[in-house]
Amino acid sequence: MAAQRILLPYNFAPNDQKALTFISKTFGNREDIDITIFHAYTPISEIEDTDHQSATAKLKRRLSYLTQELTEREIALQELRTQIINSGFDRDRVRYIFKSRKKEIAAAIIDEVEEGDYDIIILNHKPGKVTRFFTGSVFIKVVTALKDTTICVVA
């Protein structure tokens, strides 16, 4: 029997931890589960060297900080992978994807689901304003776009 492939889009939000807990409790002892933690980030532009007093130099220092923050997020994803493995999953069946996105986040998630042929996607949904339903949140865009995929919502 082929393994069920699960995608967990992860954006370092409080509800993301709830989704991880759900995965551990629900699928933790099964050997036929492949899990992928997915994070797509906004790419950071490069700025040429300038003198240290200009506005461009200040912007470059800010971009350096953002680059360091991205590095820390990738390390955090690696730690999440380890956390999932420690909760009972086979090391070879847990991976993460940390990549620069070229589209909006919802489109990046949809593309990953379709390209990776996932069976289940675990989404978290931040309860709150009804206006988010009408303004096109990531959650709504992903849920309405996917076909033939089981979507589990953790609220």
Protein backbone atom coordinates (compact mmCIF):
# COMPACT_ATOMS: atom_id res chain seq x y z
CA MET A 1 0.00 0.00 0.00
CA ALA A 2 1.35 3.43 -0.98
CA ALA A 3 1.99 5.93 1.75
CA GLN A 4 -0.43 8.78 2.27
CA ARG A 5 1.27 12.07 1.55
CA ILE A 6 0.48 14.95 3.92
CA LEU A 7 1.37 18.60 3.30
CA LEU A 8 1.52 21.04 6.18
CA PRO A 9 1.88 24.66 5.03
CA TYR A 10 3.73 26.33 7.90
CA ASN A 11 3.99 30.06 8.48
CA PHE A 12 5.21 30.22 12.09
CA ALA A 13 1.81 31.29 13.41
CA PRO A 14 0.34 30.08 16.73
CA ASN A 15 -2.22 27.91 14.94
CA ASP A 16 0.56 26.16 13.04
CA GLN A 17 1.64 24.55 16.29
CA LYS A 18 -1.92 23.27 16.75
CA ALA A 19 -1.70 21.66 13.32
CA LEU A 20 1.58 19.95 14.28
CA THR A 21 0.00 18.61 17.45
CA PHE A 22 -2.95 17.31 15.43
CA ILE A 23 -0.63 15.50 13.02
CA SER A 24 1.33 13.91 15.86
CA LYS A 25 -1.76 12.72 17.71
CA THR A 26 -3.64 11.53 14.63
CA PHE A 27 -0.92 9.96 12.50
CA GLY A 28 1.98 9.46 14.94
CA ASN A 29 2.12 5.68 15.05
CA ARG A 30 1.37 4.95 11.41
CA GLU A 31 4.14 3.79 9.12
CA ASP A 32 2.33 4.63 5.89
CA ILE A 33 2.46 8.43 6.25
CA ASP A 34 4.80 10.86 4.47
CA ILE A 35 4.80 14.39 5.87
CA THR A 36 6.12 17.53 4.23
CA ILE A 37 6.33 20.83 6.07
CA PHE A 38 6.09 23.63 3.52
CA HIS A 39 7.17 27.25 3.90
CA ALA A 40 7.37 29.66 0.99
CA TYR A 41 8.94 33.02 1.72
CA THR A 42 9.11 36.34 -0.10
CA PRO A 43 12.50 36.61 -1.83
CA ILE A 44 14.92 39.30 -0.66
CA SER A 45 16.52 41.55 -3.25
CA GLU A 46 20.23 42.18 -3.49
CA ILE A 47 21.63 45.71 -3.17
CA GLU A 48 25.01 46.74 -4.51
CA ASP A 49 27.67 48.07 -2.13
CA THR A 50 27.42 51.76 -1.34
CA ASP A 51 28.99 54.17 1.11
CA HIS A 52 27.98 53.59 4.73
CA GLN A 53 26.10 56.87 5.19
CA SER A 54 23.53 56.66 2.40
CA ALA A 55 19.93 55.55 2.64
CA THR A 56 20.82 52.62 0.40
CA ALA A 57 23.41 51.45 2.93
CA LYS A 58 20.79 51.57 5.68
CA LEU A 59 18.44 49.56 3.49
CA LYS A 60 21.20 47.05 2.84
CA ARG A 61 21.70 46.58 6.60
CA ARG A 62 17.94 45.99 6.97
CA LEU A 63 18.03 43.41 4.18
CA SER A 64 20.93 41.72 5.92
CA TYR A 65 18.73 41.42 9.01
CA LEU A 66 15.92 39.90 6.91
CA THR A 67 18.35 37.42 5.38
CA GLN A 68 19.41 36.35 8.89
CA GLU A 69 15.74 35.99 9.84
CA LEU A 70 15.19 33.67 6.86
CA THR A 71 18.14 31.56 7.95
CA GLU A 72 16.63 31.29 11.42
CA ARG A 73 13.29 30.23 9.95
CA GLU A 74 14.91 27.47 7.94
CA ILE A 75 16.65 26.25 11.09
CA ALA A 76 13.28 26.35 12.86
CA LEU A 77 11.79 24.17 10.09
CA GLN A 78 14.62 21.68 10.56
CA GLU A 79 13.82 21.61 14.28
CA LEU A 80 10.12 21.05 13.50
CA ARG A 81 11.11 18.11 11.33
CA THR A 82 13.04 16.68 14.27
CA GLN A 83 10.07 17.30 16.57
CA ILE A 84 7.80 15.35 14.22
CA ILE A 85 10.29 12.50 13.98
CA ASN A 86 10.53 12.40 17.78
CA SER A 87 6.74 12.09 17.99
CA GLY A 88 6.84 8.71 16.23
CA PHE A 89 7.38 9.25 12.51
CA ASP A 90 10.02 7.53 10.40
CA ARG A 91 12.97 9.85 9.68
CA ASP A 92 12.85 8.98 5.97
CA ARG A 93 9.18 9.95 5.73
CA VAL A 94 9.42 13.51 7.11
CA ARG A 95 10.84 16.35 5.07
CA TYR A 96 10.53 20.07 4.71
CA ILE A 97 10.44 22.48 1.81
CA PHE A 98 11.76 26.00 2.35
CA LYS A 99 11.64 27.95 -0.86
CA SER A 100 11.37 31.37 -2.33
CA ARG A 101 7.97 32.05 -3.80
CA LYS A 102 7.32 33.70 -7.12
CA LYS A 103 3.55 33.94 -6.68
CA GLU A 104 1.27 34.77 -3.80
CA ILE A 105 1.36 32.27 -0.94
CA ALA A 106 -1.98 30.63 -1.78
CA ALA A 107 -0.80 29.92 -5.33
CA ALA A 108 2.50 28.53 -4.01
CA ILE A 109 0.62 26.13 -1.72
CA ILE A 110 -1.77 25.07 -4.50
CA ASP A 111 1.14 24.44 -6.88
CA GLU A 112 2.95 22.36 -4.27
CA VAL A 113 -0.15 20.24 -3.59
CA GLU A 114 -0.64 19.58 -7.28
CA GLU A 115 3.04 18.95 -8.11
CA GLY A 116 3.66 16.82 -5.01
CA ASP A 117 0.54 14.72 -5.46
CA TYR A 118 -0.46 15.06 -1.80
CA ASP A 119 -3.43 13.15 -0.43
CA ILE A 120 -4.08 15.39 2.58
CA ILE A 121 -3.37 19.02 3.30
CA ILE A 122 -3.52 20.25 6.88
CA LEU A 123 -4.54 23.92 6.98
CA ASN A 124 -5.02 26.09 9.96
CA HIS A 125 -7.70 28.72 9.95
CA LYS A 126 -7.61 31.71 12.17
CA PRO A 127 -11.15 32.29 13.33
CA GLY A 128 -12.17 35.87 13.32
CA LYS A 129 -13.55 38.52 11.08
CA VAL A 130 -16.20 37.49 8.61
CA THR A 131 -14.70 39.96 6.12
CA ARG A 132 -11.72 37.61 5.62
CA PHE A 133 -14.12 35.17 3.99
CA PHE A 134 -14.92 37.75 1.34
CA THR A 135 -11.50 39.35 0.89
CA GLY A 136 -9.72 36.24 -0.32
CA SER A 137 -7.65 34.91 2.54
CA VAL A 138 -5.02 32.26 1.84
CA PHE A 139 -7.28 29.70 3.49
CA ILE A 140 -10.25 30.46 1.21
CA LYS A 141 -8.12 30.56 -1.94
CA VAL A 142 -6.54 27.18 -1.19
CA VAL A 143 -9.79 25.49 -0.16
CA THR A 144 -11.71 26.68 -3.20
CA ALA A 145 -8.93 25.86 -5.67
CA LEU A 146 -8.10 22.28 -4.72
CA LYS A 147 -9.94 19.30 -6.12
CA ASP A 148 -9.58 15.62 -5.16
CA THR A 149 -7.55 16.49 -2.07
CA THR A 150 -8.62 15.91 1.51
CA ILE A 151 -8.32 19.16 3.44
CA CYS A 152 -8.19 19.02 7.20
CA VAL A 153 -8.82 22.34 8.93
CA VAL A 154 -7.34 23.01 12.35
CA ALA A 155 -8.91 26.05 14.01
